[in-house]
Amino acid sequence: MEKKAFSFDEFDAGTLRKMGVTKPRTKTFTAEHERQFAIKVLNVICSLQKSERSRVLRRAVTMNET
């Protein structure tokens, strides 16, 4: 007996839910993107000393949370 693989696109959301299967998530913001943006951010503040960079980044996180 041969098993046939199926595509998630062949079924609607209700059918997939009844089968107990979920579509895998597609990542649009990958770890590589995260690294690239971190490098870009650090490049902007590269002239600061390490302690100054730390302060600026802490301030940025605080501003981002509000």
N, C-alpha and C. Protein backbone atom coordinates (compact mmCIF):
# COMPACT_ATOMS: atom_id res chain seq x y z
N MET A 1 0.84 -1.18 0.00
CA MET A 1 0.00 0.00 0.00
C MET A 1 0.89 1.24 0.00
N GLU A 2 0.68 2.09 -0.97
CA GLU A 2 1.51 3.27 -1.13
C GLU A 2 0.84 4.48 -0.49
N LYS A 3 1.62 5.21 0.32
CA LYS A 3 1.08 6.41 0.96
C LYS A 3 1.26 7.59 0.01
N LYS A 4 0.20 8.39 -0.11
CA LYS A 4 0.27 9.55 -0.98
C LYS A 4 0.41 10.80 -0.12
N ALA A 5 1.38 11.61 -0.41
CA ALA A 5 1.55 12.87 0.30
C ALA A 5 0.51 13.85 -0.22
N PHE A 6 0.07 14.74 0.66
CA PHE A 6 -0.89 15.73 0.22
C PHE A 6 -0.34 17.14 0.44
N SER A 7 -0.91 18.07 -0.28
CA SER A 7 -0.52 19.46 -0.16
C SER A 7 -1.54 20.16 0.73
N PHE A 8 -1.07 21.09 1.54
CA PHE A 8 -1.98 21.84 2.42
C PHE A 8 -2.97 22.66 1.61
N ASP A 9 -2.59 23.03 0.39
CA ASP A 9 -3.45 23.85 -0.45
C ASP A 9 -4.64 23.07 -1.01
N GLU A 10 -4.60 21.74 -0.92
CA GLU A 10 -5.70 20.92 -1.43
C GLU A 10 -6.92 20.97 -0.53
N PHE A 11 -6.75 21.38 0.73
CA PHE A 11 -7.83 21.36 1.70
C PHE A 11 -8.10 22.75 2.23
N ASP A 12 -9.36 23.00 2.61
CA ASP A 12 -9.67 24.29 3.22
C ASP A 12 -9.36 24.24 4.72
N ALA A 13 -9.45 25.37 5.39
CA ALA A 13 -9.07 25.47 6.80
C ALA A 13 -9.92 24.56 7.68
N GLY A 14 -11.21 24.46 7.39
CA GLY A 14 -12.10 23.61 8.19
C GLY A 14 -11.72 22.14 8.11
N THR A 15 -11.40 21.68 6.93
CA THR A 15 -11.01 20.28 6.75
C THR A 15 -9.70 19.99 7.46
N LEU A 16 -8.75 20.89 7.34
CA LEU A 16 -7.46 20.70 8.03
C LEU A 16 -7.66 20.65 9.54
N ARG A 17 -8.54 21.51 10.05
CA ARG A 17 -8.81 21.54 11.49
C ARG A 17 -9.43 20.22 11.95
N LYS A 18 -10.37 19.69 11.15
CA LYS A 18 -11.01 18.41 11.49
C LYS A 18 -10.00 17.27 11.50
N MET A 19 -9.00 17.35 10.61
CA MET A 19 -7.98 16.31 10.55
C MET A 19 -6.93 16.49 11.64
N GLY A 20 -6.99 17.61 12.35
CA GLY A 20 -6.02 17.88 13.40
C GLY A 20 -4.66 18.30 12.87
N VAL A 21 -4.67 18.89 11.69
CA VAL A 21 -3.42 19.30 11.04
C VAL A 21 -3.45 20.82 10.88
N THR A 22 -2.31 21.44 11.07
CA THR A 22 -2.21 22.88 10.83
C THR A 22 -1.16 23.15 9.77
N LYS A 23 -1.36 24.23 9.05
CA LYS A 23 -0.38 24.64 8.05
C LYS A 23 0.88 25.12 8.75
N PRO A 24 2.03 24.78 8.23
CA PRO A 24 3.26 25.31 8.82
C PRO A 24 3.32 26.83 8.58
N ARG A 25 3.86 27.53 9.56
CA ARG A 25 3.97 28.99 9.43
C ARG A 25 5.07 29.33 8.44
N THR A 26 4.84 30.38 7.72
CA THR A 26 5.89 30.89 6.84
C THR A 26 6.51 32.09 7.54
N LYS A 27 7.80 32.05 7.71
CA LYS A 27 8.50 33.12 8.40
C LYS A 27 8.88 34.19 7.41
N THR A 28 8.47 35.42 7.71
CA THR A 28 8.85 36.53 6.85
C THR A 28 10.01 37.30 7.45
N PHE A 29 10.19 37.20 8.76
CA PHE A 29 11.29 37.88 9.45
C PHE A 29 12.16 36.81 10.08
N THR A 30 13.13 36.35 9.35
CA THR A 30 13.97 35.23 9.79
C THR A 30 15.09 35.70 10.70
N ALA A 31 15.81 34.76 11.26
CA ALA A 31 16.96 35.09 12.11
C ALA A 31 18.02 35.83 11.30
N GLU A 32 18.15 35.51 10.04
CA GLU A 32 19.11 36.21 9.19
C GLU A 32 18.72 37.68 9.01
N HIS A 33 17.44 37.94 8.83
CA HIS A 33 16.98 39.33 8.75
C HIS A 33 17.27 40.06 10.06
N GLU A 34 17.03 39.39 11.17
CA GLU A 34 17.30 39.98 12.48
C GLU A 34 18.77 40.36 12.62
N ARG A 35 19.66 39.47 12.21
CA ARG A 35 21.10 39.76 12.26
C ARG A 35 21.46 40.95 11.38
N GLN A 36 20.90 41.00 10.18
CA GLN A 36 21.20 42.09 9.26
C GLN A 36 20.78 43.44 9.83
N PHE A 37 19.58 43.49 10.43
CA PHE A 37 19.11 44.75 11.01
C PHE A 37 19.93 45.12 12.24
N ALA A 38 20.35 44.14 13.02
CA ALA A 38 21.19 44.43 14.19
C ALA A 38 22.51 45.06 13.75
N ILE A 39 23.08 44.54 12.68
CA ILE A 39 24.34 45.10 12.16
C ILE A 39 24.12 46.53 11.69
N LYS A 40 23.00 46.78 11.01
CA LYS A 40 22.70 48.14 10.54
C LYS A 40 22.54 49.11 11.70
N VAL A 41 21.85 48.68 12.76
CA VAL A 41 21.65 49.54 13.92
C VAL A 41 22.98 49.83 14.60
N LEU A 42 23.78 48.80 14.80
CA LEU A 42 25.07 48.99 15.46
C LEU A 42 26.01 49.84 14.61
N ASN A 43 25.87 49.78 13.31
CA ASN A 43 26.71 50.59 12.44
C ASN A 43 26.44 52.08 12.66
N VAL A 44 25.20 52.44 12.93
CA VAL A 44 24.84 53.84 13.15
C VAL A 44 25.49 54.37 14.42
N ILE A 45 25.63 53.52 15.44
CA ILE A 45 26.17 53.99 16.73
C ILE A 45 27.59 53.46 16.98
N CYS A 46 28.29 53.10 15.92
CA CYS A 46 29.61 52.49 16.07
C CYS A 46 30.65 53.46 16.65
N SER A 47 30.43 54.75 16.52
CA SER A 47 31.42 55.71 17.02
C SER A 47 31.34 55.88 18.53
N LEU A 48 30.29 55.37 19.15
CA LEU A 48 30.14 55.47 20.61
C LEU A 48 30.95 54.40 21.30
N GLN A 49 31.27 54.65 22.57
CA GLN A 49 31.94 53.64 23.38
C GLN A 49 30.92 52.56 23.75
N LYS A 50 31.42 51.42 24.21
CA LYS A 50 30.54 50.29 24.52
C LYS A 50 29.49 50.67 25.55
N SER A 51 29.88 51.38 26.61
CA SER A 51 28.91 51.76 27.65
C SER A 51 27.87 52.74 27.10
N GLU A 52 28.30 53.62 26.21
CA GLU A 52 27.37 54.57 25.60
C GLU A 52 26.39 53.85 24.66
N ARG A 53 26.90 52.88 23.92
CA ARG A 53 26.02 52.09 23.04
C ARG A 53 24.97 51.36 23.87
N SER A 54 25.41 50.82 25.00
CA SER A 54 24.49 50.11 25.89
C SER A 54 23.37 51.04 26.36
N ARG A 55 23.75 52.25 26.77
CA ARG A 55 22.76 53.22 27.24
C ARG A 55 21.78 53.58 26.14
N VAL A 56 22.30 53.82 24.94
CA VAL A 56 21.44 54.20 23.82
C VAL A 56 20.48 53.08 23.47
N LEU A 57 20.98 51.86 23.45
CA LEU A 57 20.11 50.72 23.12
C LEU A 57 19.06 50.48 24.19
N ARG A 58 19.43 50.64 25.47
CA ARG A 58 18.44 50.52 26.55
C ARG A 58 17.35 51.58 26.40
N ARG A 59 17.77 52.81 26.08
CA ARG A 59 16.80 53.88 25.88
C ARG A 59 15.88 53.56 24.70
N ALA A 60 16.43 53.04 23.63
CA ALA A 60 15.63 52.68 22.46
C ALA A 60 14.61 51.61 22.79
N VAL A 61 15.00 50.62 23.59
CA VAL A 61 14.06 49.56 23.99
C VAL A 61 12.94 50.17 24.83
N THR A 62 13.29 51.05 25.78
CA THR A 62 12.29 51.70 26.61
C THR A 62 11.32 52.52 25.75
N MET A 63 11.84 53.27 24.80
CA MET A 63 10.99 54.08 23.93
C MET A 63 10.11 53.20 23.05
N ASN A 64 10.62 52.06 22.66
CA ASN A 64 9.85 51.15 21.81
C ASN A 64 8.69 50.52 22.57
N GLU A 65 8.83 50.32 23.87
CA GLU A 65 7.79 49.67 24.68
C GLU A 65 6.65 50.61 25.01
N THR A 66 6.86 51.91 24.90
CA THR A 66 5.79 52.86 25.23
C THR A 66 5.09 53.37 24.01
